[in-house]
Protein backbone atom coordinates (compact mmCIF):
# COMPACT_ATOMS: atom_id res chain seq x y z
CA MET A 1 0.00 0.00 0.00
CA ALA A 2 1.14 3.55 -0.70
CA PRO A 3 1.23 5.92 2.32
CA LEU A 4 -2.08 7.60 1.44
CA GLU A 5 -3.72 4.20 0.94
CA ILE A 6 -2.48 3.13 4.39
CA ARG A 7 -4.12 6.18 5.96
CA LYS A 8 -7.41 5.40 4.25
CA LYS A 9 -7.25 1.75 5.23
CA VAL A 10 -6.60 2.64 8.89
CA ILE A 11 -9.67 4.86 8.95
CA GLU A 12 -11.74 2.08 7.41
CA GLU A 13 -10.51 -0.39 10.02
CA LEU A 14 -11.26 1.99 12.88
CA ARG A 15 -14.78 2.39 11.61
CA ARG A 16 -15.23 -1.39 11.79
CA ILE A 17 -14.64 -1.44 15.55
CA PRO A 18 -18.07 -2.37 16.99
CA ASP A 19 -19.98 0.50 18.54
CA ASP A 20 -20.90 -1.63 21.55
CA LYS A 21 -17.20 -2.17 22.28
CA MET A 22 -16.06 1.42 21.97
CA GLU A 23 -17.73 4.56 20.76
CA ASN A 24 -14.70 5.83 18.85
CA ILE A 25 -10.93 5.83 18.77
CA TYR A 26 -10.72 7.99 21.88
CA GLU A 27 -12.63 5.40 23.84
CA PHE A 28 -10.24 2.79 22.45
CA ILE A 29 -7.28 4.76 23.74
CA ARG A 30 -8.91 5.46 27.10
CA HIS A 31 -9.61 1.76 27.69
CA ILE A 32 -6.19 0.58 26.68
CA ARG A 33 -4.46 3.19 28.84
CA THR A 34 -6.57 2.86 31.98
CA GLU A 35 -7.55 -0.80 31.89
CA PRO A 36 -4.62 -2.80 30.52
CA GLN A 37 -5.47 -5.67 32.84
CA ASN A 38 -8.61 -6.27 30.79
CA PHE A 39 -6.60 -6.85 27.64
CA ARG A 40 -3.39 -8.64 28.56
CA LYS A 41 -3.38 -11.46 31.08
CA GLY A 42 -0.13 -11.66 33.01
CA LEU A 43 0.55 -7.94 32.70
CA GLU A 44 -2.07 -6.77 35.16
CA ASN A 45 0.31 -4.38 36.90
CA VAL A 46 1.77 -2.57 33.91
CA ASP A 47 0.82 0.96 32.92
CA GLY A 48 -1.45 1.55 29.96
CA PRO A 49 0.25 2.94 26.85
CA GLU A 50 0.49 6.66 26.15
CA TYR A 51 -1.72 8.02 23.39
CA GLU A 52 0.94 8.22 20.70
CA THR A 53 2.21 4.79 21.65
CA VAL A 54 -1.22 3.33 21.01
CA ILE A 55 -1.28 4.80 17.52
CA ALA A 56 2.36 4.03 16.65
CA LEU A 57 2.20 0.37 17.73
CA GLY A 58 -1.43 0.03 16.73
CA PRO A 59 -3.23 1.60 13.75
CA LEU A 60 -0.02 2.91 12.14
CA CYS A 61 0.97 -0.74 11.77
CA MET A 62 -2.63 -1.74 10.96
CA ASN A 63 -2.65 -3.49 14.34
CA PHE A 64 -5.90 -3.42 16.32
CA ASP A 65 -5.01 -6.09 18.84
CA PHE A 66 -4.99 -4.58 22.33
CA ASP A 67 -2.86 -7.29 23.90
CA THR A 68 0.08 -6.87 21.57
CA ILE A 69 0.05 -3.05 21.82
CA ILE A 70 0.28 -3.29 25.60
CA GLU A 71 2.98 -5.98 25.48
CA ALA A 72 5.15 -4.11 22.97
CA ASN A 73 4.78 -0.93 25.04
CA TYR A 74 5.81 -2.84 28.17
CA LEU A 75 8.92 -4.15 26.45
CA CYS A 76 9.88 -0.66 25.28
CA ASN A 77 9.29 0.91 28.71
CA SER A 78 11.25 -1.81 30.48
CA GLN A 79 14.30 -0.95 28.36
CA GLY A 80 13.81 2.80 28.03
CA ILE A 81 13.14 2.68 24.30
CA ASP A 82 11.05 5.27 22.50
CA THR A 83 7.74 3.76 21.44
CA ILE A 84 7.09 6.27 18.65
CA SER A 85 10.36 5.48 16.88
CA VAL A 86 9.81 1.74 17.37
CA GLY A 87 6.29 1.90 15.93
CA VAL A 88 7.22 4.10 12.97
CA SER A 89 10.28 1.94 12.17
CA ILE A 90 8.22 -1.27 12.27
CA ALA A 91 5.54 0.33 10.07
CA TYR A 92 8.25 1.35 7.57
CA ALA A 93 9.58 -2.22 7.61
CA MET A 94 6.05 -3.44 6.80
CA TYR A 95 5.87 -0.97 3.91
CA LEU A 96 9.24 -2.12 2.54
CA TYR A 97 8.30 -5.78 2.95
CA GLU A 98 5.01 -5.36 1.13
CA ARG A 99 6.87 -3.78 -1.80
CA GLY A 100 9.38 -6.61 -1.92
CA ILE A 101 12.29 -4.37 -0.96
CA LEU A 102 12.76 -6.02 2.41
CA THR A 103 12.55 -9.75 1.70
CA LYS A 104 11.66 -12.67 3.94
CA GLU A 105 15.21 -13.98 3.52
CA ARG A 106 16.73 -10.66 4.69
CA ALA A 107 14.27 -10.23 7.53
CA GLY A 108 14.25 -13.89 8.57
CA MET A 109 10.49 -13.69 8.93
CA GLU A 110 7.36 -12.32 7.33
CA ILE A 111 6.63 -8.71 8.24
CA LEU A 112 2.96 -8.25 7.44
CA TRP A 113 0.58 -5.39 8.14
CA GLY A 114 -1.57 -5.98 11.21
CA ASP A 115 0.44 -8.84 12.70
CA GLY A 116 0.48 -7.90 16.39
CA ARG A 117 2.56 -10.89 17.50
CA MET A 118 5.16 -9.99 14.87
CA ILE A 119 5.29 -6.42 16.27
CA VAL A 120 6.04 -7.81 19.73
CA LYS A 121 8.68 -10.10 18.25
CA LEU A 122 10.34 -7.28 16.32
CA THR A 123 10.31 -5.09 19.44
CA GLY A 124 12.22 -7.81 21.27
CA MET A 125 14.67 -8.13 18.39
CA ILE A 126 15.25 -4.37 18.43
CA ILE A 127 15.99 -4.55 22.15
CA ARG A 128 18.38 -7.47 21.76
CA GLN A 129 19.99 -6.07 18.58
CA GLU A 130 19.12 -9.34 16.91
CA GLY A 131 18.80 -9.99 13.17
CA ILE A 132 16.73 -7.41 11.30
CA GLY A 133 15.99 -5.80 14.68
CA LYS A 134 19.49 -4.30 14.71
CA LEU A 135 18.74 -2.29 11.55
CA LEU A 136 15.29 -1.27 12.80
CA SER A 137 16.84 -0.03 16.03
CA GLN A 138 18.73 2.59 14.01
CA GLY A 139 15.51 4.18 12.77
CA THR A 140 13.86 4.86 9.44
CA LEU A 141 16.60 7.08 7.97
CA ARG A 142 19.23 4.36 8.33
CA MET A 143 16.71 1.81 7.05
CA ALA A 144 16.10 3.90 3.92
CA GLU A 145 19.83 4.25 3.36
CA ALA A 146 20.42 0.51 3.85
CA PHE A 147 17.84 -0.36 1.17
CA GLY A 148 18.83 2.40 -1.23
CA ARG A 149 15.57 4.27 -0.77
CA ASP A 150 14.91 8.01 -0.96
CA PRO A 151 15.28 9.34 2.61
CA GLY A 152 12.20 11.45 1.94
CA GLU A 153 10.18 8.23 1.91
CA ALA A 154 10.97 7.73 5.61
CA ALA A 155 8.82 9.64 8.10
CA GLN A 156 11.69 11.38 9.90
CA VAL A 157 13.56 14.67 10.25
CA LYS A 158 17.29 14.60 11.03
CA GLY A 159 16.89 10.90 11.75
CA MET A 160 14.13 11.24 14.35
CA GLU A 161 10.81 9.63 13.51
CA MET A 162 7.68 11.75 13.12
CA ALA A 163 5.28 11.85 16.04
CA MET A 164 1.58 11.32 15.48
CA HIS A 165 0.80 14.97 14.62
CA ASP A 166 0.53 15.44 10.86
CA PRO A 167 2.32 18.63 9.76
CA ARG A 168 -0.25 19.03 6.99
CA ALA A 169 -2.88 19.52 9.68
CA PHE A 170 -0.90 22.12 11.67
CA THR A 171 1.54 24.39 9.86
CA GLY A 172 2.99 25.38 13.23
CA MET A 173 4.01 21.76 13.75
CA ALA A 174 5.51 21.66 10.25
CA ILE A 175 8.01 24.43 11.01
CA SER A 176 8.64 23.06 14.52
CA TYR A 177 9.44 19.58 13.15
CA ALA A 178 11.69 20.97 10.42
CA THR A 179 13.75 23.25 12.65
CA GLY A 180 13.83 21.24 15.89
CA PRO A 181 17.41 20.48 16.93
CA ARG A 182 16.47 16.84 17.59
CA GLY A 183 14.45 16.50 14.42
CA ALA A 184 10.74 15.67 14.30
CA CYS A 185 10.22 15.87 18.05
CA HIS A 186 6.75 17.00 19.09
CA LEU A 187 8.15 18.17 22.45
CA LYS A 188 10.50 20.74 20.91
CA GLY A 189 7.55 23.01 20.32
CA ASP A 190 4.22 21.17 20.60
CA TYR A 191 2.56 23.92 18.58
CA TYR A 192 -0.56 21.88 17.92
CA ASN A 193 -1.60 22.97 21.41
CA ILE A 194 -1.67 26.56 20.19
CA GLU A 195 -3.44 25.63 16.96
CA LEU A 196 -6.11 23.92 19.05
CA GLY A 197 -6.89 27.03 21.04
CA ASN A 198 -4.24 27.62 23.73
CA PHE A 199 -2.18 30.78 23.91
CA ILE A 200 0.68 32.61 25.68
CA LEU A 201 -0.32 36.22 26.05
CA GLU A 202 3.08 37.39 27.33
CA TYR A 203 4.63 36.52 23.96
CA ASN A 204 1.61 37.23 21.78
CA ILE A 205 1.45 33.57 20.77
CA LEU A 206 -2.18 33.18 19.75
CA PRO A 207 -4.29 30.54 18.02
CA GLY A 208 -5.38 31.13 14.46
CA ASP A 209 -5.93 29.36 11.17
CA ARG A 210 -4.09 26.06 11.56
CA PHE A 211 -3.45 25.91 7.81
CA GLN A 212 -2.00 29.41 7.52
CA SER A 213 1.72 29.65 6.75
CA ALA A 214 2.35 33.41 6.57
CA GLY A 215 3.26 34.84 9.99
CA LYS A 216 3.19 31.42 11.68
CA ALA A 217 6.96 30.93 11.97
CA GLU A 218 7.56 33.82 14.34
CA MET A 219 5.07 32.52 16.89
CA ALA A 220 6.29 28.94 16.41
CA ALA A 221 9.90 30.04 16.99
CA LYS A 222 9.01 31.84 20.21
CA TYR A 223 7.00 28.87 21.39
CA GLN A 224 9.87 26.52 20.55
CA ASN A 225 12.26 28.67 22.59
CA PHE A 226 9.86 28.87 25.52
CA LYS A 227 9.08 25.15 25.65
CA ASP A 228 12.79 24.28 25.44
CA LEU A 229 13.13 25.74 28.92
CA PHE A 230 10.78 23.11 30.32
CA ASP A 231 13.61 20.59 30.00
CA THR A 232 15.94 22.91 31.90
CA PHE A 233 13.42 23.36 34.70
CA ALA A 234 12.39 19.68 34.66
CA LEU A 235 8.76 20.66 34.02
CA CYS A 236 6.19 18.49 32.30
CA LYS A 237 5.71 19.73 28.72
CA PHE A 238 1.96 19.46 29.21
CA ALA A 239 1.92 21.60 32.37
CA ALA A 240 0.08 24.88 31.87
CA TYR A 241 2.83 27.08 33.33
CA THR A 242 2.80 30.62 31.97
CA PRO A 243 6.02 32.62 31.59
CA THR A 244 4.85 34.87 34.42
CA LEU A 245 4.28 31.94 36.77
CA ILE A 246 7.66 30.40 35.94
CA CYS A 247 9.36 33.71 36.64
CA GLN A 248 7.54 33.96 39.98
CA ILE A 249 8.80 30.49 40.91
CA ILE A 250 12.39 31.29 39.86
CA ASN A 251 12.39 34.62 41.66
CA GLY A 252 10.83 33.15 44.79
CA ILE A 253 13.55 30.51 45.02
CA THR A 254 16.58 32.55 43.94
CA GLY A 255 15.73 36.11 44.85
CA TRP A 256 16.39 37.14 41.25
CA ASP A 257 14.22 39.54 39.28
CA TYR A 258 13.58 37.48 36.17
CA THR A 259 11.00 38.75 33.67
CA PRO A 260 9.15 36.91 30.88
CA GLU A 261 11.37 38.72 28.35
CA MET A 262 14.53 37.48 30.06
CA LEU A 263 13.03 33.99 30.19
CA LEU A 264 12.41 33.95 26.45
CA ALA A 265 15.95 35.17 25.76
CA THR A 266 17.27 32.23 27.80
CA GLY A 267 15.20 29.85 25.69
CA GLU A 268 16.58 31.42 22.51
CA ARG A 269 20.13 30.83 23.74
CA SER A 270 19.29 27.23 24.59
CA ILE A 271 18.01 26.52 21.09
CA ALA A 272 20.93 28.44 19.55
CA ILE A 273 23.49 26.36 21.46
CA LYS A 274 21.87 23.14 20.28
CA ARG A 275 21.77 24.37 16.70
CA ALA A 276 25.43 25.42 16.97
CA ILE A 277 26.37 21.90 18.10
CA ASN A 278 24.36 20.43 15.20
CA ASN A 279 26.06 22.84 12.81
CA LYS A 280 29.50 21.78 14.02
CA LEU A 281 28.52 18.14 13.51
CA GLY A 282 27.55 18.81 9.91
CA LEU A 283 23.82 19.63 10.02
CA THR A 284 22.87 22.78 8.10
CA ARG A 285 19.76 24.56 6.93
CA ALA A 286 19.51 21.92 4.20
CA ASP A 287 18.50 19.49 6.95
CA ASP A 288 15.68 21.75 8.17
CA LYS A 289 13.02 20.15 6.00
CA LEU A 290 10.09 17.78 6.06
CA PRO A 291 10.33 14.42 4.30
CA LYS A 292 8.52 14.05 0.99
CA ILE A 293 6.09 11.59 2.56
CA CYS A 294 4.67 14.43 4.68
CA LEU A 295 4.34 16.80 1.72
CA GLU A 296 2.01 14.64 -0.35
CA VAL A 297 -1.36 16.29 -0.81
CA LEU A 298 -4.23 14.46 0.90
CA LYS A 299 -7.37 14.08 -1.15
CA GLU A 300 -9.81 13.63 1.72
CA GLY A 301 -10.22 14.46 5.38
CA SER A 302 -9.99 17.78 7.21
CA SER A 303 -6.52 18.46 5.75
CA ALA A 304 -7.42 17.67 2.15
CA ASP A 305 -5.55 19.80 -0.40
CA LYS A 306 -3.59 21.56 2.36
CA LEU A 307 0.20 21.85 2.46
CA PRO A 308 2.44 24.09 4.58
CA ASP A 309 4.48 26.67 2.67
CA MET A 310 7.85 25.53 4.04
CA GLU A 311 9.95 27.94 2.00
CA LEU A 312 8.02 30.93 3.36
CA MET A 313 8.02 29.71 6.95
CA LEU A 314 11.71 28.88 6.92
CA ARG A 315 12.53 32.39 5.66
CA GLU A 316 10.44 33.90 8.44
CA TYR A 317 11.90 31.55 11.05
CA TYR A 318 15.49 32.40 10.18
CA ALA A 319 14.72 36.09 9.88
CA ARG A 320 13.43 36.11 13.44
CA ALA A 321 16.06 33.83 14.93
CA ASP A 322 18.88 35.60 13.07
CA LEU A 323 20.39 32.20 12.38
CA VAL A 324 21.98 31.65 9.00
CA ALA A 325 22.88 28.03 8.34
CA GLY A 326 26.64 27.56 8.36
CA ASN A 327 27.37 30.99 9.85
CA MET A 328 28.75 30.19 13.28
CA ALA A 329 29.52 33.85 13.98
CA LEU A 330 25.85 34.80 13.89
CA ILE A 331 24.89 31.78 15.95
CA THR A 332 27.53 32.57 18.55
CA SER A 333 26.49 36.21 18.75
CA ARG A 334 22.93 35.10 19.42
CA ILE A 335 24.04 32.84 22.23
CA TRP A 336 26.01 35.48 24.08
CA SER A 337 23.91 38.58 23.27
């Protein structure tokens, strides 16, 4: 199946879930997260999967078996392995296998869409660095390179797999994914929260048209800088801390006189340092891009015929951040200004 066909097939499969079992996909996620003991015998004491884990190890792989989603999540958590990257890498392996690019002889097994037990098996192989699992453990970019595929076919940025927020649905996420120092990390600026109605008044970061590209990069850049500080402060990325509240906490503990403006400048320096390190390691503006697979126009759904204007947003992003790819002098000046 082509990527757009996979999306359509997943939606069709979700619609087949009986109404008396769950009202919709949100009910599916709620049950699997809060009541894992009802789905997997022998794992009664494990935590239910996180939302994106459910999708990555479930529908993304055409897997609708609760037991195997919970078991694969348990294996990942027990070893500290990212469930999003595991799910996306396994789904890409399924895609390659279906097209005959990854063969049964190379994989040592069949890798078929919807095979939950195979997903659990591959997760274990990834953990043990065993057989084809060793390649999958390196992620979709290395997989594409190993099979001579276009890297744009792999759902990743800078080698990090895409989270479950489609950049075609939120242009703010598109620019955040492309410019994030780690790659397609939804925690380096979870701008979908703004697109869905949240805001930060101190920085004039306001919700608007989620498909609009013009003027979006400036707000996304400020939000990226602000949320980067949550790692420094060891705050939950989903905590509704305003810049003013964070400054009150800092000042109350230290006796300083931090302001929201000073806080944002600190976040800018944090992002600039990370970009400087990336630049020194060989990553340039050429790497600040979305993969081709995320720039295919959808023909149906709420994001049909919508694409982010990446060229425009990147120009605006760099204009605000004053970061020119490859120019370490400008990056350094931004860090120490």
